[in-house]
Protein backbone atom coordinates (compact mmCIF):
# COMPACT_ATOMS: atom_id res chain seq x y z
CA MET A 1 -9.63 -34.79 -21.08
CA ASN A 2 -6.06 -33.50 -21.15
CA ILE A 3 -4.03 -32.99 -17.97
CA GLY A 4 -4.54 -29.19 -17.94
CA ASN A 5 -8.33 -29.61 -18.05
CA PHE A 6 -8.19 -32.25 -15.32
CA LEU A 7 -6.03 -30.06 -13.07
CA PHE A 8 -8.24 -27.02 -13.67
CA LYS A 9 -11.48 -28.90 -13.01
CA TYR A 10 -10.17 -30.51 -9.82
CA ARG A 11 -7.77 -27.76 -8.66
CA SER A 12 -9.57 -27.55 -5.31
CA TYR A 13 -8.83 -31.22 -4.66
CA THR A 14 -5.44 -31.86 -6.26
CA PRO A 15 -3.54 -30.32 -3.31
CA ILE A 16 -5.11 -32.82 -0.87
CA PRO A 17 -2.23 -35.35 -1.17
CA LEU A 18 0.23 -32.47 -0.65
CA ALA A 19 -1.71 -31.28 2.41
CA LEU A 20 -1.70 -34.83 3.82
CA TYR A 21 2.07 -35.04 3.23
CA ILE A 22 2.58 -31.72 5.02
CA LEU A 23 0.38 -32.81 7.94
CA PHE A 24 1.91 -36.29 8.21
CA ASN A 25 5.46 -34.89 8.31
CA SER A 26 4.59 -31.92 10.50
CA TYR A 27 6.84 -31.00 13.37
CA PRO A 28 5.87 -27.48 14.45
CA GLU A 29 8.46 -25.10 15.85
CA ILE A 30 7.16 -21.96 17.50
CA GLN A 31 9.59 -19.62 15.70
CA ASN A 32 8.09 -20.62 12.32
CA VAL A 33 4.44 -20.30 13.37
CA LEU A 34 4.39 -16.48 13.40
CA ILE A 35 6.06 -16.28 9.97
CA GLY A 36 3.59 -18.88 8.69
CA LEU A 37 0.61 -16.90 9.99
CA ILE A 38 1.97 -13.75 8.35
CA LEU A 39 2.35 -15.56 5.01
CA ILE A 40 -1.17 -17.00 5.25
CA THR A 41 -2.53 -13.52 5.99
CA ILE A 42 -0.67 -12.03 3.01
CA GLY A 43 -1.74 -14.83 0.67
CA GLU A 44 -5.37 -14.72 1.75
CA SER A 45 -5.42 -10.91 1.54
CA LEU A 46 -4.22 -11.19 -2.05
CA ARG A 47 -6.91 -13.79 -2.77
CA ILE A 48 -9.62 -11.60 -1.20
CA TRP A 49 -8.46 -8.63 -3.27
CA ALA A 50 -8.48 -10.76 -6.45
CA VAL A 51 -11.86 -12.36 -5.74
CA SER A 52 -13.36 -8.92 -5.06
CA TYR A 53 -12.56 -8.06 -8.69
CA ALA A 54 -13.07 -11.39 -10.48
CA GLY A 55 -16.03 -12.51 -8.37
CA GLY A 56 -17.46 -15.98 -7.88
CA VAL A 57 -16.61 -16.90 -11.47
CA THR A 58 -13.21 -17.97 -10.08
CA ARG A 59 -14.95 -21.00 -8.49
CA THR A 60 -15.95 -22.54 -11.80
CA THR A 61 -14.80 -25.93 -13.07
CA LYS A 62 -15.05 -24.84 -16.72
CA VAL A 63 -12.25 -22.78 -18.27
CA GLY A 64 -13.36 -19.41 -19.59
CA ALA A 65 -14.71 -16.07 -18.41
CA PRO A 66 -17.77 -13.96 -19.15
CA SER A 67 -15.58 -10.85 -19.25
CA LEU A 68 -11.90 -9.98 -19.02
CA CYS A 69 -10.90 -8.58 -15.63
CA THR A 70 -7.75 -6.45 -15.83
CA SER A 71 -8.33 -4.15 -12.82
CA GLY A 72 -7.14 -4.31 -9.23
CA PRO A 73 -4.59 -7.08 -8.68
CA TYR A 74 -5.12 -8.24 -12.27
CA SER A 75 -3.44 -5.02 -13.43
CA TYR A 76 -0.24 -6.16 -11.67
CA THR A 77 -0.23 -9.88 -12.47
CA ARG A 78 -2.44 -12.14 -14.56
CA ASN A 79 -2.70 -14.79 -11.83
CA PRO A 80 -3.02 -13.23 -8.37
CA LEU A 81 -5.15 -16.11 -7.04
CA TYR A 82 -2.43 -18.65 -7.82
CA ILE A 83 0.24 -16.47 -6.23
CA GLY A 84 -2.00 -16.14 -3.16
CA ASN A 85 -2.40 -19.92 -2.98
CA MET A 86 1.35 -20.50 -3.14
CA VAL A 87 1.95 -17.95 -0.38
CA ILE A 88 -0.81 -19.53 1.76
CA TYR A 89 0.62 -23.02 1.33
CA SER A 90 4.11 -21.74 2.17
CA GLY A 91 2.61 -20.38 5.39
CA VAL A 92 0.93 -23.70 6.13
CA VAL A 93 4.27 -25.49 5.64
CA LEU A 94 5.92 -23.11 8.12
CA ILE A 95 3.16 -23.54 10.68
CA ALA A 96 3.18 -27.33 10.28
CA GLY A 97 6.93 -27.44 10.39
CA SER A 98 9.00 -30.42 9.36
CA LEU A 99 12.27 -32.02 10.30
CA ASN A 100 13.41 -30.77 6.88
CA ILE A 101 11.25 -27.71 6.25
CA LEU A 102 13.22 -26.57 3.18
CA TYR A 103 12.57 -29.93 1.50
CA THR A 104 8.84 -29.62 2.26
CA LEU A 105 8.78 -26.07 0.88
CA ILE A 106 10.54 -27.22 -2.31
CA ILE A 107 8.01 -30.04 -2.77
CA THR A 108 5.16 -27.57 -2.20
CA TRP A 109 6.52 -24.99 -4.64
CA GLY A 110 7.31 -27.72 -7.19
CA PHE A 111 3.78 -29.11 -6.98
CA PHE A 112 2.13 -25.73 -7.50
CA THR A 113 4.61 -24.65 -10.19
CA VAL A 114 3.81 -27.72 -12.31
CA GLN A 115 0.07 -27.57 -11.65
CA TYR A 116 -0.26 -23.85 -12.33
CA TYR A 117 1.98 -23.97 -15.40
CA LEU A 118 -0.39 -26.49 -16.99
CA ILE A 119 -3.53 -24.68 -15.85
CA ILE A 120 -2.31 -21.22 -16.92
CA GLU A 121 -1.36 -22.53 -20.36
CA LEU A 122 -4.91 -23.91 -20.79
CA GLU A 123 -6.53 -20.74 -19.44
CA GLU A 124 -4.48 -18.44 -21.65
CA ASN A 125 -5.21 -20.42 -24.81
CA THR A 126 -8.92 -20.35 -23.95
CA LEU A 127 -8.92 -16.62 -23.16
CA ILE A 128 -7.10 -15.80 -26.40
CA ASN A 129 -9.84 -17.68 -28.26
CA ILE A 130 -12.55 -15.80 -26.35
CA PHE A 131 -11.11 -12.27 -26.18
CA GLY A 132 -8.58 -12.26 -29.04
CA LYS A 133 -6.49 -9.10 -29.41
CA GLU A 134 -7.81 -7.64 -26.16
CA TYR A 135 -6.29 -10.55 -24.21
CA GLU A 136 -3.10 -10.50 -26.28
CA LYS A 137 -2.67 -6.82 -25.38
CA TYR A 138 -3.17 -7.76 -21.72
CA ILE A 139 -0.55 -10.54 -21.98
CA ASN A 140 1.91 -8.08 -23.50
CA ASN A 141 1.48 -5.62 -20.62
CA VAL A 142 0.91 -7.69 -17.48
CA PRO A 143 3.24 -10.50 -16.37
CA LYS A 144 2.03 -14.05 -15.87
CA LEU A 145 3.13 -14.37 -12.23
CA PHE A 146 5.73 -11.94 -10.92
CA PRO A 147 3.84 -8.65 -10.47
CA ARG A 148 4.61 -5.35 -12.12
CA PHE A 149 5.75 -2.52 -9.85
CA SER A 150 2.90 -0.28 -11.00
CA SER A 151 -0.56 -1.12 -12.19
CA TRP A 152 -1.22 -1.41 -15.91
CA LYS A 153 -3.36 1.52 -16.99
CA ASN A 154 -6.20 0.30 -19.18
CA LYS A 155 -9.86 0.92 -19.90
CA ASP A 156 -11.18 -1.67 -17.43
CA LYS A 157 -13.08 0.24 -14.76
CA TYR A 158 -14.40 -2.81 -12.94
CA VAL A 159 -15.67 -2.01 -9.45
CA PRO A 160 -14.83 -4.61 -6.79
CA MET A 161 -17.53 -6.48 -4.90
CA LYS A 162 -18.42 -5.43 -1.38
CA PHE A 163 -16.24 -6.96 1.33
CA TYR A 164 -19.03 -9.11 2.81
CA LYS A 165 -19.91 -10.62 -0.57
CA THR A 166 -16.22 -11.26 -1.29
CA ILE A 167 -15.75 -13.05 2.04
CA LYS A 168 -18.86 -15.10 1.34
CA THR A 169 -17.36 -16.13 -2.02
CA GLU A 170 -14.01 -16.90 -0.35
CA LYS A 171 -15.61 -18.85 2.53
CA ARG A 172 -14.42 -22.29 1.40
CA THR A 173 -10.76 -21.22 1.19
CA LEU A 174 -10.96 -19.64 4.65
CA GLN A 175 -12.54 -22.82 6.04
CA ASN A 176 -9.80 -24.99 4.51
CA ILE A 177 -7.03 -22.83 5.99
CA LEU A 178 -8.65 -22.97 9.42
CA LEU A 179 -9.13 -26.74 9.13
CA LEU A 180 -5.45 -27.30 8.27
CA ILE A 181 -4.33 -25.15 11.21
CA LEU A 182 -6.70 -26.94 13.59
CA ILE A 183 -5.45 -30.36 12.45
CA ILE A 184 -1.84 -29.24 13.03
CA ILE A 185 -2.73 -27.98 16.51
CA PHE A 186 -4.73 -31.10 17.34
CA LYS A 187 -2.01 -33.48 16.08
CA HIS A 188 0.83 -31.88 17.98
CA TYR A 189 -0.59 -30.14 20.98
CA LEU A 190 -3.66 -32.11 21.98
CA VAL A 191 -2.71 -35.70 21.13
């Protein structure tokens, strides 16, 4: 198994050492908490929007897709879930605080940049093999990470899932965010 496959398969668990580092070095400052909560809300909103279009297939441990989703947030960027994750983790870093918060943010961004670079390369090679010219056209029109200013107009008329079903699919991410925040609160305000 190459590193990209490993990171993709275990992408829910690979940030655990990073989360422990953030928690261990946490030193919350009230002025950063509000900004952190705003970032978490933005990141999770992006994830909810993306999951409503891509569905529960985003929770798989096997690279591939039954169909190509290019609607909703996927018409602005090819990887809205990964952008959402980076924004969420930036918010967690701000809530947790640190004696050197910039250093912790750089470590966080570096971790996700390396991980997602390797995962995206694997995903794109797989999707080119599955969808061929259709995916190549998508690559040529929608950026990998930094979103377009307007949505890419294409033939994909995918209808998003209902909000309740999307939240149900996104339940584990919401639980993890809440757990991290509760640990930060417990460590610094109740101990």
